[in-house]
């Protein structure tokens, strides 16, 4: 068919995604200071994209650990959450220019991924105080920083889903 062209994916798009067992090999290749954050990132919105760009600006590389589907269920965000399965959520987050690596965790918290990658900067969104951030003490004890980034855009996937369901 004339005029139909499939554009290529961004360079290194899928190479940014690594399983928990393989992601340390990927992280070892990234420049420091290394920034770590985590979350569900179910339906990506402006708040997510702004937050991830701000997190990336705190270091030379940003890695993101996503809650597995089972982990999201335990968060009790709703019985139909996540809307997007883990593979789709990782692909979308990995496609962002601000993100250098993506993995996941099945546990209720990302503590194991934090201990493995030893980030220089640990970041969460403004709804988390530094004292509440999982891994904060471990990162600070190694001389790292822990940052809670204030929300610039008041958005949430839960609120978005409520609007859609009206």
Protein backbone atom coordinates (compact mmCIF):
# COMPACT_ATOMS: atom_id res chain seq x y z
CA UNK A 1 0.00 0.00 0.00
CA UNK A 2 1.35 3.38 -0.94
CA UNK A 3 2.14 5.86 1.79
CA UNK A 4 2.10 3.42 4.72
CA UNK A 5 5.36 3.49 6.61
CA UNK A 6 6.09 1.93 9.96
CA UNK A 7 8.41 4.32 11.77
CA UNK A 8 11.22 2.79 13.79
CA UNK A 9 11.09 2.73 17.57
CA UNK A 10 13.31 5.19 19.42
CA UNK A 11 16.92 4.03 19.78
CA UNK A 12 17.53 1.81 22.80
CA UNK A 13 13.80 1.76 23.52
CA UNK A 14 13.50 -1.88 24.58
CA UNK A 15 17.12 -2.08 25.70
CA UNK A 16 16.17 0.12 28.66
CA UNK A 17 14.00 -2.67 30.12
CA UNK A 18 15.69 -5.36 32.21
CA UNK A 19 14.41 -8.08 34.50
CA UNK A 20 15.31 -7.78 38.19
CA UNK A 21 17.92 -10.51 37.68
CA UNK A 22 19.60 -8.67 34.80
CA UNK A 23 19.14 -5.01 35.58
CA UNK A 24 22.32 -4.58 37.62
CA UNK A 25 24.34 -5.28 34.46
CA UNK A 26 22.45 -2.43 32.78
CA UNK A 27 22.86 -0.09 35.76
CA UNK A 28 26.62 -0.65 35.89
CA UNK A 29 26.82 0.98 32.44
CA UNK A 30 24.93 4.11 33.48
CA UNK A 31 26.67 7.30 34.59
CA UNK A 32 26.53 8.48 38.19
CA UNK A 33 24.97 10.09 40.09
CA UNK A 34 22.19 7.54 39.67
CA UNK A 35 18.61 8.54 40.51
CA UNK A 36 16.03 5.89 41.51
CA UNK A 37 12.27 6.16 41.69
CA UNK A 38 9.39 3.74 41.62
CA UNK A 39 5.66 3.58 41.12
CA UNK A 40 2.75 2.04 39.27
CA UNK A 41 2.65 4.46 36.31
CA UNK A 42 -0.58 2.84 35.14
CA UNK A 43 -2.06 5.47 32.81
CA UNK A 44 0.75 7.87 32.05
CA UNK A 45 -0.28 11.52 32.41
CA UNK A 46 1.27 14.98 32.56
CA UNK A 47 2.05 14.67 36.27
CA UNK A 48 4.04 11.47 35.67
CA UNK A 49 6.03 12.89 32.75
CA UNK A 50 6.85 16.11 34.60
CA UNK A 51 7.83 14.21 37.75
CA UNK A 52 10.14 11.83 35.85
CA UNK A 53 11.83 14.70 34.03
CA UNK A 54 12.38 16.51 37.34
CA UNK A 55 13.75 13.32 38.92
CA UNK A 56 16.15 12.82 36.01
CA UNK A 57 17.44 16.38 36.44
CA UNK A 58 18.74 15.40 39.90
CA UNK A 59 21.44 13.13 38.45
CA UNK A 60 23.14 11.76 35.36
CA UNK A 61 20.79 8.79 34.90
CA UNK A 62 17.30 7.78 36.06
CA UNK A 63 16.14 4.23 36.75
CA UNK A 64 12.51 3.39 37.44
CA UNK A 65 11.16 0.28 39.18
CA UNK A 66 7.50 -0.44 38.49
CA UNK A 67 5.15 -2.36 40.74
CA UNK A 68 4.32 -5.72 39.19
CA UNK A 69 0.65 -6.38 38.51
CA UNK A 70 0.42 -8.49 41.69
CA UNK A 71 2.08 -5.72 43.69
CA UNK A 72 -0.45 -3.20 42.35
CA UNK A 73 -3.33 -5.48 43.44
CA UNK A 74 -1.94 -5.46 46.98
CA UNK A 75 -1.95 -1.63 46.99
CA UNK A 76 -5.76 -1.81 46.80
CA UNK A 77 -6.09 0.93 44.20
CA UNK A 78 -9.13 -0.88 42.85
CA UNK A 79 -9.97 -4.42 41.83
CA UNK A 80 -9.51 -3.59 38.15
CA UNK A 81 -6.06 -2.04 38.60
CA UNK A 82 -3.68 -1.93 37.00
CA UNK A 83 -5.49 -0.99 33.81
CA UNK A 84 -2.33 -1.61 31.76
CA UNK A 85 -0.30 -4.77 32.32
CA UNK A 86 3.31 -4.53 33.47
CA UNK A 87 4.86 -5.11 30.03
CA UNK A 88 2.86 -2.22 28.56
CA UNK A 89 3.61 0.09 31.50
CA UNK A 90 7.33 -0.65 31.24
CA UNK A 91 7.38 -0.02 27.49
CA UNK A 92 5.68 3.35 27.91
CA UNK A 93 8.00 4.48 30.73
CA UNK A 94 11.07 3.22 28.82
CA UNK A 95 10.05 5.29 25.79
CA UNK A 96 10.49 8.50 27.78
CA UNK A 97 13.71 10.39 27.10
CA UNK A 98 14.18 11.12 30.80
CA UNK A 99 14.32 7.42 31.71
CA UNK A 100 17.53 5.40 31.34
CA UNK A 101 16.45 2.05 32.78
CA UNK A 102 13.28 0.22 33.81
CA UNK A 103 12.66 -2.89 35.89
CA UNK A 104 9.98 -4.14 38.26
CA UNK A 105 9.40 -5.56 41.71
CA UNK A 106 6.88 -8.13 42.96
CA UNK A 107 7.25 -7.23 46.62
CA UNK A 108 5.07 -4.66 48.35
CA UNK A 109 7.96 -2.15 48.38
CA UNK A 110 10.95 -1.51 46.09
CA UNK A 111 13.48 -1.89 48.92
CA UNK A 112 15.29 -4.83 47.31
CA UNK A 113 15.78 -2.93 44.02
CA UNK A 114 17.04 0.11 45.99
CA UNK A 115 19.55 -2.00 47.93
CA UNK A 116 20.73 -3.66 44.70
CA UNK A 117 21.33 -0.53 42.65
CA UNK A 118 22.63 1.70 45.46
CA UNK A 119 21.28 4.97 44.03
CA UNK A 120 22.92 8.29 44.80
CA UNK A 121 19.51 9.97 44.84
CA UNK A 122 16.21 8.36 45.89
CA UNK A 123 13.11 10.23 44.72
CA UNK A 124 9.35 10.06 45.27
CA UNK A 125 6.48 12.42 44.51
CA UNK A 126 5.20 15.16 46.77
CA UNK A 127 2.61 12.93 48.40
CA UNK A 128 5.52 11.20 50.20
CA UNK A 129 7.49 12.90 52.97
CA UNK A 130 11.18 12.00 53.09
CA UNK A 131 10.53 10.11 56.35
CA UNK A 132 7.94 7.89 54.57
CA UNK A 133 10.08 6.97 51.56
CA UNK A 134 11.08 3.31 51.58
CA UNK A 135 14.87 2.98 51.45
CA UNK A 136 15.51 6.54 52.64
CA UNK A 137 17.58 5.52 55.66
CA UNK A 138 19.65 3.08 53.61
CA UNK A 139 20.43 5.68 50.93
CA UNK A 140 21.22 8.42 53.45
CA UNK A 141 23.49 6.07 55.45
CA UNK A 142 25.69 5.73 52.33
CA UNK A 143 25.84 9.51 51.85
CA UNK A 144 23.05 9.66 49.26
CA UNK A 145 20.18 12.12 49.04
CA UNK A 146 16.45 11.54 49.41
CA UNK A 147 14.11 13.96 47.68
CA UNK A 148 10.34 14.41 47.69
CA UNK A 149 9.43 16.37 44.54
CA UNK A 150 6.36 18.63 45.00
CA UNK A 151 3.59 18.08 42.48
CA UNK A 152 3.61 20.66 39.72
CA UNK A 153 0.45 19.28 38.11
CA UNK A 154 -2.27 17.86 40.33
CA UNK A 155 -3.03 14.69 38.38
CA UNK A 156 -3.65 11.10 39.37
CA UNK A 157 -4.61 7.94 37.53
CA UNK A 158 -7.32 7.26 40.14
CA UNK A 159 -8.93 10.68 39.51
CA UNK A 160 -8.61 10.22 35.76
CA UNK A 161 -10.37 6.85 35.94
CA UNK A 162 -13.15 8.37 38.06
CA UNK A 163 -13.74 11.01 35.37
CA UNK A 164 -13.77 8.39 32.61
CA UNK A 165 -16.29 6.24 34.47
CA UNK A 166 -18.80 9.05 35.01
